[in-house]
PDB file of N, CA and C in Angstrom:
ATOM      1  N   MET A   1     139.115 161.189  53.853  1.00  0.00           N
ATOM      2  CA  MET A   1     140.251 161.844  54.468  1.00  0.00           C
ATOM      3  C   MET A   1     139.837 163.259  54.870  1.00  0.00           C
ATOM      4  N   ILE A   2     140.328 163.692  56.015  1.00  0.00           N
ATOM      5  CA  ILE A   2     140.005 165.022  56.547  1.00  0.00           C
ATOM      6  C   ILE A   2     141.277 165.859  56.608  1.00  0.00           C
ATOM      7  N   ASP A   3     141.226 167.085  56.114  1.00  0.00           N
ATOM      8  CA  ASP A   3     142.335 168.030  56.261  1.00  0.00           C
ATOM      9  C   ASP A   3     142.122 168.759  57.583  1.00  0.00           C
ATOM     10  N   VAL A   4     142.725 168.243  58.645  1.00  0.00           N
ATOM     11  CA  VAL A   4     142.509 168.768  59.993  1.00  0.00           C
ATOM     12  C   VAL A   4     143.041 170.195  60.115  1.00  0.00           C
ATOM     13  N   LEU A   5     144.142 170.511  59.459  1.00  0.00           N
ATOM     14  CA  LEU A   5     144.676 171.871  59.545  1.00  0.00           C
ATOM     15  C   LEU A   5     143.745 172.883  58.893  1.00  0.00           C
ATOM     16  N   ALA A   6     143.139 172.528  57.754  1.00  0.00           N
ATOM     17  CA  ALA A   6     142.164 173.418  57.114  1.00  0.00           C
ATOM     18  C   ALA A   6     140.931 173.580  57.998  1.00  0.00           C
ATOM     19  N   LEU A   7     140.506 172.487  58.610  1.00  0.00           N
ATOM     20  CA  LEU A   7     139.364 172.530  59.526  1.00  0.00           C
ATOM     21  C   LEU A   7     139.675 173.415  60.732  1.00  0.00           C
ATOM     22  N   ALA A   8     140.897 173.312  61.235  1.00  0.00           N
ATOM     23  CA  ALA A   8     141.320 174.144  62.368  1.00  0.00           C
ATOM     24  C   ALA A   8     141.278 175.624  62.000  1.00  0.00           C
ATOM     25  N   GLU A   9     141.797 175.949  60.841  1.00  0.00           N
ATOM     26  CA  GLU A   9     141.800 177.343  60.380  1.00  0.00           C
ATOM     27  C   GLU A   9     140.375 177.869  60.213  1.00  0.00           C
ATOM     28  N   GLU A  10     139.514 177.055  59.627  1.00  0.00           N
ATOM     29  CA  GLU A  10     138.111 177.449  59.428  1.00  0.00           C
ATOM     30  C   GLU A  10     137.424 177.736  60.771  1.00  0.00           C
ATOM     31  N   HIS A  11     137.630 176.860  61.745  1.00  0.00           N
ATOM     32  CA  HIS A  11     136.931 177.038  63.017  1.00  0.00           C
ATOM     33  C   HIS A  11     137.556 178.121  63.888  1.00  0.00           C
ATOM     34  N   LEU A  12     138.831 178.403  63.706  1.00  0.00           N
ATOM     35  CA  LEU A  12     139.419 179.533  64.412  1.00  0.00           C
ATOM     36  C   LEU A  12     138.825 180.838  63.880  1.00  0.00           C
ATOM     37  N   THR A  13     138.625 180.910  62.580  1.00  0.00           N
ATOM     38  CA  THR A  13     137.967 182.092  61.993  1.00  0.00           C
ATOM     39  C   THR A  13     136.548 182.238  62.548  1.00  0.00           C
ATOM     40  N   LEU A  14     135.818 181.121  62.646  1.00  0.00           N
ATOM     41  CA  LEU A  14     134.462 181.155  63.201  1.00  0.00           C
ATOM     42  C   LEU A  14     134.469 181.540  64.677  1.00  0.00           C
ATOM     43  N   ALA A  15     135.448 181.055  65.435  1.00  0.00           N
ATOM     44  CA  ALA A  15     135.549 181.393  66.861  1.00  0.00           C
ATOM     45  C   ALA A  15     135.793 182.887  67.047  1.00  0.00           C
ATOM     46  N   ARG A  16     136.645 183.440  66.216  1.00  0.00           N
ATOM     47  CA  ARG A  16     136.928 184.883  66.295  1.00  0.00           C
ATOM     48  C   ARG A  16     135.667 185.708  66.064  1.00  0.00           C
ATOM     49  N   ALA A  17     134.776 185.215  65.219  1.00  0.00           N
ATOM     50  CA  ALA A  17     133.545 185.942  64.889  1.00  0.00           C
ATOM     51  C   ALA A  17     132.410 185.652  65.874  1.00  0.00           C
ATOM     52  N   SER A  18     132.578 184.652  66.715  1.00  0.00           N
ATOM     53  CA  SER A  18     131.520 184.232  67.641  1.00  0.00           C
ATOM     54  C   SER A  18     131.528 185.067  68.918  1.00  0.00           C
ATOM     55  N   ALA A  19     130.348 185.397  69.398  1.00  0.00           N
ATOM     56  CA  ALA A  19     130.227 186.115  70.669  1.00  0.00           C
ATOM     57  C   ALA A  19     130.744 185.277  71.835  1.00  0.00           C
ATOM     58  N   HIS A  20     130.747 183.966  71.680  1.00  0.00           N
ATOM     59  CA  HIS A  20     131.209 183.067  72.744  1.00  0.00           C
ATOM     60  C   HIS A  20     132.693 182.744  72.637  1.00  0.00           C
ATOM     61  N   GLY A  21     133.335 183.136  71.534  1.00  0.00           N
ATOM     62  CA  GLY A  21     134.763 182.919  71.374  1.00  0.00           C
ATOM     63  C   GLY A  21     135.162 181.479  71.113  1.00  0.00           C
ATOM     64  N   ARG A  22     134.236 180.707  70.557  1.00  0.00           N
ATOM     65  CA  ARG A  22     134.570 179.303  70.291  1.00  0.00           C
ATOM     66  C   ARG A  22     133.789 178.781  69.091  1.00  0.00           C
ATOM     67  N   SER A  23     134.345 177.720  68.511  1.00  0.00           N
ATOM     68  CA  SER A  23     133.682 177.003  67.435  1.00  0.00           C
ATOM     69  C   SER A  23     134.184 175.567  67.480  1.00  0.00           C
ATOM     70  N   ALA A  24     133.292 174.613  67.238  1.00  0.00           N
ATOM     71  CA  ALA A  24     133.672 173.203  67.288  1.00  0.00           C
ATOM     72  C   ALA A  24     132.932 172.419  66.215  1.00  0.00           C
ATOM     73  N   HIS A  25     133.563 171.320  65.816  1.00  0.00           N
ATOM     74  CA  HIS A  25     132.952 170.456  64.811  1.00  0.00           C
ATOM     75  C   HIS A  25     133.460 169.030  65.008  1.00  0.00           C
ATOM     76  N   THR A  26     132.530 168.082  65.137  1.00  0.00           N
ATOM     77  CA  THR A  26     132.892 166.665  65.190  1.00  0.00           C
ATOM     78  C   THR A  26     133.075 166.187  63.762  1.00  0.00           C
ATOM     79  N   TYR A  27     134.279 165.750  63.454  1.00  0.00           N
ATOM     80  CA  TYR A  27     134.566 165.331  62.084  1.00  0.00           C
ATOM     81  C   TYR A  27     134.752 163.828  61.943  1.00  0.00           C
ATOM     82  N   LEU A  28     134.804 163.111  63.056  1.00  0.00           N
ATOM     83  CA  LEU A  28     134.896 161.657  63.007  1.00  0.00           C
ATOM     84  C   LEU A  28     133.916 161.085  64.016  1.00  0.00           C
ATOM     85  N   ASN A  29     133.051 160.201  63.542  1.00  0.00           N
ATOM     86  CA  ASN A  29     132.030 159.594  64.393  1.00  0.00           C
ATOM     87  C   ASN A  29     131.891 158.141  63.942  1.00  0.00           C
ATOM     88  N   GLU A  30     132.769 157.290  64.463  1.00  0.00           N
ATOM     89  CA  GLU A  30     132.838 155.885  64.055  1.00  0.00           C
ATOM     90  C   GLU A  30     132.648 154.987  65.270  1.00  0.00           C
ATOM     91  N   GLY A  31     131.517 154.322  65.367  1.00  0.00           N
ATOM     92  CA  GLY A  31     131.271 153.460  66.528  1.00  0.00           C
ATOM     93  C   GLY A  31     131.352 154.249  67.813  1.00  0.00           C
ATOM     94  N   THR A  32     132.276 153.870  68.688  1.00  0.00           N
ATOM     95  CA  THR A  32     132.423 154.581  69.963  1.00  0.00           C
ATOM     96  C   THR A  32     133.476 155.683  69.912  1.00  0.00           C
ATOM     97  N   LEU A  33     134.141 155.850  68.773  1.00  0.00           N
ATOM     98  CA  LEU A  33     135.219 156.826  68.635  1.00  0.00           C
ATOM     99  C   LEU A  33     134.714 158.143  68.054  1.00  0.00           C
ATOM    100  N   ARG A  34     135.104 159.238  68.693  1.00  0.00           N
ATOM    101  CA  ARG A  34     134.760 160.581  68.215  1.00  0.00           C
ATOM    102  C   ARG A  34     136.026 161.427  68.156  1.00  0.00           C
ATOM    103  N   GLN A  35     136.122 162.277  67.138  1.00  0.00           N
ATOM    104  CA  GLN A  35     137.157 163.297  67.091  1.00  0.00           C
ATOM    105  C   GLN A  35     136.498 164.603  66.689  1.00  0.00           C
ATOM    106  N   ALA A  36     136.919 165.657  67.373  1.00  0.00           N
ATOM    107  CA  ALA A  36     136.361 166.977  67.102  1.00  0.00           C
ATOM    108  C   ALA A  36     137.470 168.015  67.141  1.00  0.00           C
ATOM    109  N   VAL A  37     137.319 169.033  66.322  1.00  0.00           N
ATOM    110  CA  VAL A  37     138.198 170.190  66.393  1.00  0.00           C
ATOM    111  C   VAL A  37     137.461 171.236  67.222  1.00  0.00           C
ATOM    112  N   ILE A  38     138.184 171.871  68.142  1.00  0.00           N
ATOM    113  CA  ILE A  38     137.624 172.927  68.984  1.00  0.00           C
ATOM    114  C   ILE A  38     138.562 174.119  68.891  1.00  0.00           C
ATOM    115  N   ALA A  39     138.030 175.260  68.462  1.00  0.00           N
ATOM    116  CA  ALA A  39     138.807 176.493  68.368  1.00  0.00           C
ATOM    117  C   ALA A  39     138.315 177.462  69.434  1.00  0.00           C
ATOM    118  N   LEU A  40     139.259 178.094  70.122  1.00  0.00           N
ATOM    119  CA  LEU A  40     138.932 179.005  71.221  1.00  0.00           C
ATOM    120  C   LEU A  40     139.758 180.285  71.088  1.00  0.00           C
ATOM    121  N   THR A  41     139.132 181.424  71.313  1.00  0.00           N
ATOM    122  CA  THR A  41     139.895 182.659  71.372  1.00  0.00           C
ATOM    123  C   THR A  41     140.544 182.770  72.748  1.00  0.00           C
ATOM    124  N   ALA A  42     141.550 183.611  72.859  1.00  0.00           N
ATOM    125  CA  ALA A  42     142.262 183.786  74.127  1.00  0.00           C
ATOM    126  C   ALA A  42     141.287 184.176  75.233  1.00  0.00           C
ATOM    127  N   GLY A  43     141.392 183.485  76.372  1.00  0.00           N
ATOM    128  CA  GLY A  43     140.548 183.779  77.521  1.00  0.00           C
ATOM    129  C   GLY A  43     139.233 183.019  77.556  1.00  0.00           C
ATOM    130  N   THR A  44     138.902 182.304  76.494  1.00  0.00           N
ATOM    131  CA  THR A  44     137.653 181.552  76.466  1.00  0.00           C
ATOM    132  C   THR A  44     137.757 180.329  77.381  1.00  0.00           C
ATOM    133  N   VAL A  45     136.658 180.059  78.104  1.00  0.00           N
ATOM    134  CA  VAL A  45     136.605 178.921  79.014  1.00  0.00           C
ATOM    135  C   VAL A  45     135.414 178.047  78.634  1.00  0.00           C
ATOM    136  N   LEU A  46     135.665 176.752  78.497  1.00  0.00           N
ATOM    137  CA  LEU A  46     134.575 175.784  78.390  1.00  0.00           C
ATOM    138  C   LEU A  46     134.353 175.304  79.813  1.00  0.00           C
ATOM    139  N   GLY A  47     133.257 175.743  80.425  1.00  0.00           N
ATOM    140  CA  GLY A  47     132.989 175.471  81.833  1.00  0.00           C
ATOM    141  C   GLY A  47     132.945 173.998  82.175  1.00  0.00           C
ATOM    142  N   ASP A  48     132.837 173.726  83.470  1.00  0.00           N
ATOM    143  CA  ASP A  48     132.833 172.353  83.977  1.00  0.00           C
ATOM    144  C   ASP A  48     131.899 171.461  83.184  1.00  0.00           C
ATOM    145  N   HIS A  49     132.421 170.295  82.813  1.00  0.00           N
ATOM    146  CA  HIS A  49     131.620 169.291  82.116  1.00  0.00           C
ATOM    147  C   HIS A  49     132.184 167.916  82.447  1.00  0.00           C
ATOM    148  N   GLU A  50     131.372 166.906  82.208  1.00  0.00           N
ATOM    149  CA  GLU A  50     131.773 165.528  82.506  1.00  0.00           C
ATOM    150  C   GLU A  50     132.818 165.040  81.504  1.00  0.00           C
ATOM    151  N   ALA A  51     133.655 164.140  81.948  1.00  0.00           N
ATOM    152  CA  ALA A  51     134.661 163.536  81.083  1.00  0.00           C
ATOM    153  C   ALA A  51     134.051 162.370  80.318  1.00  0.00           C
ATOM    154  N   PRO A  52     134.546 162.138  79.102  1.00  0.00           N
ATOM    155  CA  PRO A  52     134.121 160.922  78.392  1.00  0.00           C
ATOM    156  C   PRO A  52     134.754 159.712  79.087  1.00  0.00           C
ATOM    157  N   PRO A  53     134.298 158.505  78.771  1.00  0.00           N
ATOM    158  CA  PRO A  53     134.914 157.317  79.375  1.00  0.00           C
ATOM    159  C   PRO A  53     136.433 157.256  79.135  1.00  0.00           C
ATOM    160  N   ALA A  54     136.887 157.744  78.001  1.00  0.00           N
ATOM    161  CA  ALA A  54     138.318 157.856  77.702  1.00  0.00           C
ATOM    162  C   ALA A  54     138.489 158.962  76.676  1.00  0.00           C
ATOM    163  N   GLY A  55     139.559 159.737  76.803  1.00  0.00           N
ATOM    164  CA  GLY A  55     139.768 160.799  75.841  1.00  0.00           C
ATOM    165  C   GLY A  55     141.110 161.473  76.000  1.00  0.00           C
ATOM    166  N   SER A  56     141.463 162.258  74.972  1.00  0.00           N
ATOM    167  CA  SER A  56     142.698 163.031  75.009  1.00  0.00           C
ATOM    168  C   SER A  56     142.507 164.328  74.244  1.00  0.00           C
ATOM    169  N   LEU A  57     143.384 165.284  74.549  1.00  0.00           N
ATOM    170  CA  LEU A  57     143.438 166.548  73.817  1.00  0.00           C
ATOM    171  C   LEU A  57     144.794 166.656  73.159  1.00  0.00           C
ATOM    172  N   HIS A  58     144.796 167.070  71.906  1.00  0.00           N
ATOM    173  CA  HIS A  58     146.030 167.363  71.177  1.00  0.00           C
ATOM    174  C   HIS A  58     145.927 168.823  70.748  1.00  0.00           C
ATOM    175  N   VAL A  59     146.877 169.641  71.174  1.00  0.00           N
ATOM    176  CA  VAL A  59     146.850 171.065  70.851  1.00  0.00           C
ATOM    177  C   VAL A  59     147.580 171.292  69.531  1.00  0.00           C
ATOM    178  N   LEU A  60     146.850 171.828  68.561  1.00  0.00           N
ATOM    179  CA  LEU A  60     147.443 172.161  67.262  1.00  0.00           C
ATOM    180  C   LEU A  60     148.057 173.551  67.275  1.00  0.00           C
ATOM    181  N   LEU A  61     147.409 174.472  68.002  1.00  0.00           N
ATOM    182  CA  LEU A  61     147.818 175.876  68.018  1.00  0.00           C
ATOM    183  C   LEU A  61     147.511 176.449  69.385  1.00  0.00           C
ATOM    184  N   GLY A  62     148.428 177.233  69.932  1.00  0.00           N
ATOM    185  CA  GLY A  62     148.161 177.942  71.167  1.00  0.00           C
ATOM    186  C   GLY A  62     148.547 177.181  72.420  1.00  0.00           C
ATOM    187  N   ARG A  63     147.841 177.497  73.505  1.00  0.00           N
ATOM    188  CA  ARG A  63     148.099 176.904  74.820  1.00  0.00           C
ATOM    189  C   ARG A  63     146.795 176.886  75.593  1.00  0.00           C
ATOM    190  N   VAL A  64     146.475 175.714  76.169  1.00  0.00           N
ATOM    191  CA  VAL A  64     145.247 175.556  76.953  1.00  0.00           C
ATOM    192  C   VAL A  64     145.574 174.947  78.311  1.00  0.00           C
ATOM    193  N   ARG A  65     144.598 175.029  79.209  1.00  0.00           N
ATOM    194  CA  ARG A  65     144.704 174.402  80.523  1.00  0.00           C
ATOM    195  C   ARG A  65     143.474 173.554  80.764  1.00  0.00           C
ATOM    196  N   LEU A  66     143.706 172.314  81.178  1.00  0.00           N
ATOM    197  CA  LEU A  66     142.638 171.454  81.681  1.00  0.00           C
ATOM    198  C   LEU A  66     142.657 171.599  83.192  1.00  0.00           C
ATOM    199  N   VAL A  67     141.512 171.948  83.770  1.00  0.00           N
ATOM    200  CA  VAL A  67     141.422 172.121  85.221  1.00  0.00           C
ATOM    201  C   VAL A  67     140.338 171.183  85.728  1.00  0.00           C
ATOM    202  N   ASP A  68     140.723 170.227  86.611  1.00  0.00           N
ATOM    203  CA  ASP A  68     139.718 169.281  87.096  1.00  0.00           C
ATOM    204  C   ASP A  68     138.996 169.843  88.317  1.00  0.00           C
ATOM    205  N   ASP A  69     137.977 169.125  88.787  1.00  0.00           N
ATOM    206  CA  ASP A  69     137.134 169.643  89.865  1.00  0.00           C
ATOM    207  C   ASP A  69     137.842 169.714  91.208  1.00  0.00           C
ATOM    208  N   ASP A  70     139.061 169.190  91.311  1.00  0.00           N
ATOM    209  CA  ASP A  70     139.878 169.347  92.519  1.00  0.00           C
ATOM    210  C   ASP A  70     140.889 170.479  92.364  1.00  0.00           C
ATOM    211  N   GLY A  71     140.826 171.190  91.220  1.00  0.00           N
ATOM    212  CA  GLY A  71     141.727 172.308  90.994  1.00  0.00           C
ATOM    213  C   GLY A  71     143.068 171.928  90.393  1.00  0.00           C
ATOM    214  N   ARG A  72     143.272 170.651  90.102  1.00  0.00           N
ATOM    215  CA  ARG A  72     144.524 170.243  89.453  1.00  0.00           C
ATOM    216  C   ARG A  72     144.522 170.740  88.019  1.00  0.00           C
ATOM    217  N   THR A  73     145.654 171.268  87.590  1.00  0.00           N
ATOM    218  CA  THR A  73     145.767 171.888  86.278  1.00  0.00           C
ATOM    219  C   THR A  73     146.841 171.205  85.451  1.00  0.00           C
ATOM    220  N   VAL A  74     146.518 170.965  84.178  1.00  0.00           N
ATOM    221  CA  VAL A  74     147.493 170.463  83.209  1.00  0.00           C
ATOM    222  C   VAL A  74     147.550 171.485  82.084  1.00  0.00           C
ATOM    223  N   GLU A  75     148.735 172.046  81.855  1.00  0.00           N
ATOM    224  CA  GLU A  75     148.927 172.980  80.753  1.00  0.00           C
ATOM    225  C   GLU A  75     149.427 172.205  79.547  1.00  0.00           C
ATOM    226  N   ILE A  76     148.830 172.493  78.381  1.00  0.00           N
ATOM    227  CA  ILE A  76     149.170 171.785  77.155  1.00  0.00           C
ATOM    228  C   ILE A  76     149.420 172.827  76.062  1.00  0.00           C
ATOM    229  N   GLY A  77     150.580 172.759  75.437  1.00  0.00           N
ATOM    230  CA  GLY A  77     150.942 173.695  74.382  1.00  0.00           C
ATOM    231  C   GLY A  77     150.904 173.056  73.009  1.00  0.00           C
ATOM    232  N   ALA A  78     151.099 173.879  71.998  1.00  0.00           N
ATOM    233  CA  ALA A  78     151.072 173.419  70.605  1.00  0.00           C
ATOM    234  C   ALA A  78     152.001 172.233  70.411  1.00  0.00           C
ATOM    235  N   GLY A  79     151.479 171.198  69.767  1.00  0.00           N
ATOM    236  CA  GLY A  79     152.240 169.998  69.501  1.00  0.00           C
ATOM    237  C   GLY A  79     152.209 168.986  70.633  1.00  0.00           C
ATOM    238  N   GLN A  80     151.566 169.330  71.747  1.00  0.00           N
ATOM    239  CA  GLN A  80     151.493 168.423  72.890  1.00  0.00           C
ATOM    240  C   GLN A  80     150.115 167.783  72.996  1.00  0.00           C
ATOM    241  N   SER A  81     150.090 166.630  73.653  1.00  0.00           N
ATOM    242  CA  SER A  81     148.860 165.883  73.857  1.00  0.00           C
ATOM    243  C   SER A  81     148.803 165.437  75.309  1.00  0.00           C
ATOM    244  N   ALA A  82     147.590 165.326  75.859  1.00  0.00           N
ATOM    245  CA  ALA A  82     147.420 164.883  77.248  1.00  0.00           C
ATOM    246  C   ALA A  82     146.076 164.183  77.384  1.00  0.00           C
ATOM    247  N   PRO A  83     145.992 163.219  78.313  1.00  0.00           N
ATOM    248  CA  PRO A  83     144.712 162.557  78.562  1.00  0.00           C
ATOM    249  C   PRO A  83     143.730 163.517  79.233  1.00  0.00           C
ATOM    250  N   ILE A  84     142.450 163.282  79.012  1.00  0.00           N
ATOM    251  CA  ILE A  84     141.386 164.032  79.682  1.00  0.00           C
ATOM    252  C   ILE A  84     141.247 163.469  81.100  1.00  0.00           C
ATOM    253  N   PRO A  85     141.192 164.312  82.122  1.00  0.00           N
ATOM    254  CA  PRO A  85     140.994 163.791  83.475  1.00  0.00           C
ATOM    255  C   PRO A  85     139.661 163.047  83.581  1.00  0.00           C
ATOM    256  N   GLN A  86     139.645 161.956  84.287  1.00  0.00           N
ATOM    257  CA  GLN A  86     138.426 161.151  84.425  1.00  0.00           C
ATOM    258  C   GLN A  86     137.539 161.690  85.538  1.00  0.00           C
ATOM    259  N   ARG A  87     137.232 162.956  85.457  1.00  0.00           N
ATOM    260  CA  ARG A  87     136.363 163.656  86.408  1.00  0.00           C
ATOM    261  C   ARG A  87     135.900 164.950  85.739  1.00  0.00           C
ATOM    262  N   ARG A  88     134.985 165.638  86.392  1.00  0.00           N
ATOM    263  CA  ARG A  88     134.543 166.929  85.845  1.00  0.00           C
ATOM    264  C   ARG A  88     135.757 167.827  85.655  1.00  0.00           C
ATOM    265  N   HIS A  89     135.718 168.611  84.587  1.00  0.00           N
ATOM    266  CA  HIS A  89     136.845 169.479  84.286  1.00  0.00           C
ATOM    267  C   HIS A  89     136.383 170.640  83.408  1.00  0.00           C
ATOM    268  N   SER A  90     137.251 171.620  83.286  1.00  0.00           N
ATOM    269  CA  SER A  90     137.015 172.727  82.352  1.00  0.00           C
ATOM    270  C   SER A  90     138.235 172.845  81.446  1.00  0.00           C
ATOM    271  N   LEU A  91     138.067 173.568  80.358  1.00  0.00           N
ATOM    272  CA  LEU A  91     139.150 173.826  79.415  1.00  0.00           C
ATOM    273  C   LEU A  91     139.248 175.329  79.245  1.00  0.00           C
ATOM    274  N   GLU A  92     140.454 175.862  79.448  1.00  0.00           N
ATOM    275  CA  GLU A  92     140.671 177.304  79.384  1.00  0.00           C
ATOM    276  C   GLU A  92     141.756 177.602  78.361  1.00  0.00           C
ATOM    277  N   ALA A  93     141.491 178.560  77.485  1.00  0.00           N
ATOM    278  CA  ALA A  93     142.467 178.942  76.463  1.00  0.00           C
ATOM    279  C   ALA A  93     143.284 180.127  76.950  1.00  0.00           C
ATOM    280  N   ASP A  94     144.578 179.918  77.160  1.00  0.00           N
ATOM    281  CA  ASP A  94     145.466 181.016  77.555  1.00  0.00           C
ATOM    282  C   ASP A  94     145.778 181.910  76.366  1.00  0.00           C
ATOM    283  N   GLN A  95     145.767 181.320  75.188  1.00  0.00           N
ATOM    284  CA  GLN A  95     146.017 182.014  73.930  1.00  0.00           C
ATOM    285  C   GLN A  95     144.969 181.555  72.933  1.00  0.00           C
ATOM    286  N   GLU A  96     144.898 182.221  71.798  1.00  0.00           N
ATOM    287  CA  GLU A  96     144.069 181.711  70.715  1.00  0.00           C
ATOM    288  C   GLU A  96     144.538 180.278  70.447  1.00  0.00           C
ATOM    289  N   SER A  97     143.605 179.320  70.479  1.00  0.00           N
ATOM    290  CA  SER A  97     144.007 177.914  70.450  1.00  0.00           C
ATOM    291  C   SER A  97     143.063 177.064  69.611  1.00  0.00           C
ATOM    292  N   VAL A  98     143.630 175.984  69.077  1.00  0.00           N
ATOM    293  CA  VAL A  98     142.839 174.962  68.398  1.00  0.00           C
ATOM    294  C   VAL A  98     143.303 173.614  68.940  1.00  0.00           C
ATOM    295  N   VAL A  99     142.328 172.798  69.372  1.00  0.00           N
ATOM    296  CA  VAL A  99     142.637 171.476  69.910  1.00  0.00           C
ATOM    297  C   VAL A  99     141.837 170.414  69.161  1.00  0.00           C
ATOM    298  N   ILE A 100     142.382 169.199  69.178  1.00  0.00           N
ATOM    299  CA  ILE A 100     141.659 168.044  68.691  1.00  0.00           C
ATOM    300  C   ILE A 100     141.264 167.228  69.913  1.00  0.00           C
ATOM    301  N   LEU A 101     139.982 167.027  70.093  1.00  0.00           N
ATOM    302  CA  LEU A 101     139.459 166.180  71.165  1.00  0.00           C
ATOM    303  C   LEU A 101     139.192 164.805  70.578  1.00  0.00           C
ATOM    304  N   THR A 102     139.833 163.806  71.133  1.00  0.00           N
ATOM    305  CA  THR A 102     139.562 162.417  70.771  1.00  0.00           C
ATOM    306  C   THR A 102     138.902 161.778  71.973  1.00  0.00           C
ATOM    307  N   SER A 103     137.738 161.159  71.758  1.00  0.00           N
ATOM    308  CA  SER A 103     137.018 160.558  72.885  1.00  0.00           C
ATOM    309  C   SER A 103     136.372 159.255  72.483  1.00  0.00           C
ATOM    310  N   VAL A 104     136.172 158.453  73.497  1.00  0.00           N
ATOM    311  CA  VAL A 104     135.427 157.204  73.367  1.00  0.00           C
ATOM    312  C   VAL A 104     134.144 157.389  74.160  1.00  0.00           C
ATOM    313  N   VAL A 105     133.027 157.071  73.541  1.00  0.00           N
ATOM    314  CA  VAL A 105     131.734 157.265  74.196  1.00  0.00           C
ATOM    315  C   VAL A 105     131.046 155.919  74.385  1.00  0.00           C
ATOM    316  N   ASN A 106     130.185 155.864  75.383  1.00  0.00           N
ATOM    317  CA  ASN A 106     129.381 154.663  75.596  1.00  0.00           C
ATOM    318  C   ASN A 106     128.209 154.684  74.637  1.00  0.00           C
ATOM    319  N   ILE A 107     127.943 153.579  74.005  1.00  0.00           N
ATOM    320  CA  ILE A 107     126.780 153.472  73.141  1.00  0.00           C
ATOM    321  C   ILE A 107     125.819 152.486  73.789  1.00  0.00           C
ATOM    322  N   GLY A 108     124.601 152.948  74.013  1.00  0.00           N
ATOM    323  CA  GLY A 108     123.583 152.103  74.606  1.00  0.00           C
ATOM    324  C   GLY A 108     123.872 151.717  76.041  1.00  0.00           C
ATOM    325  N   GLY A 109     124.806 152.466  76.681  1.00  0.00           N
ATOM    326  CA  GLY A 109     125.247 152.125  78.016  1.00  0.00           C
ATOM    327  C   GLY A 109     124.450 152.702  79.083  1.00  0.00           C
TER     328      GLY A 109
END
């Protein structure tokens, strides 16, 4: 069992101390399923990256924006969840934020 809230608090503290304003940890790695906590300080951007085959973000704290490569934006606040766009995208923290990334990855694909 994982205490996700304790993990979120730990990584937010690490993000605050990081020159990059972020900290992340994959805490579930079962077959094709992954879950990770990602903590970001206000204004931190995770630049363009590829989408997993399937995934979602659940915001535990703060407010973030998913911006896809066509400029479409989805704002997600604390307690909300949204699918990851199936294209290149970035993640931007409007406030100090902690998110849970759930993704499905290809194995041997």
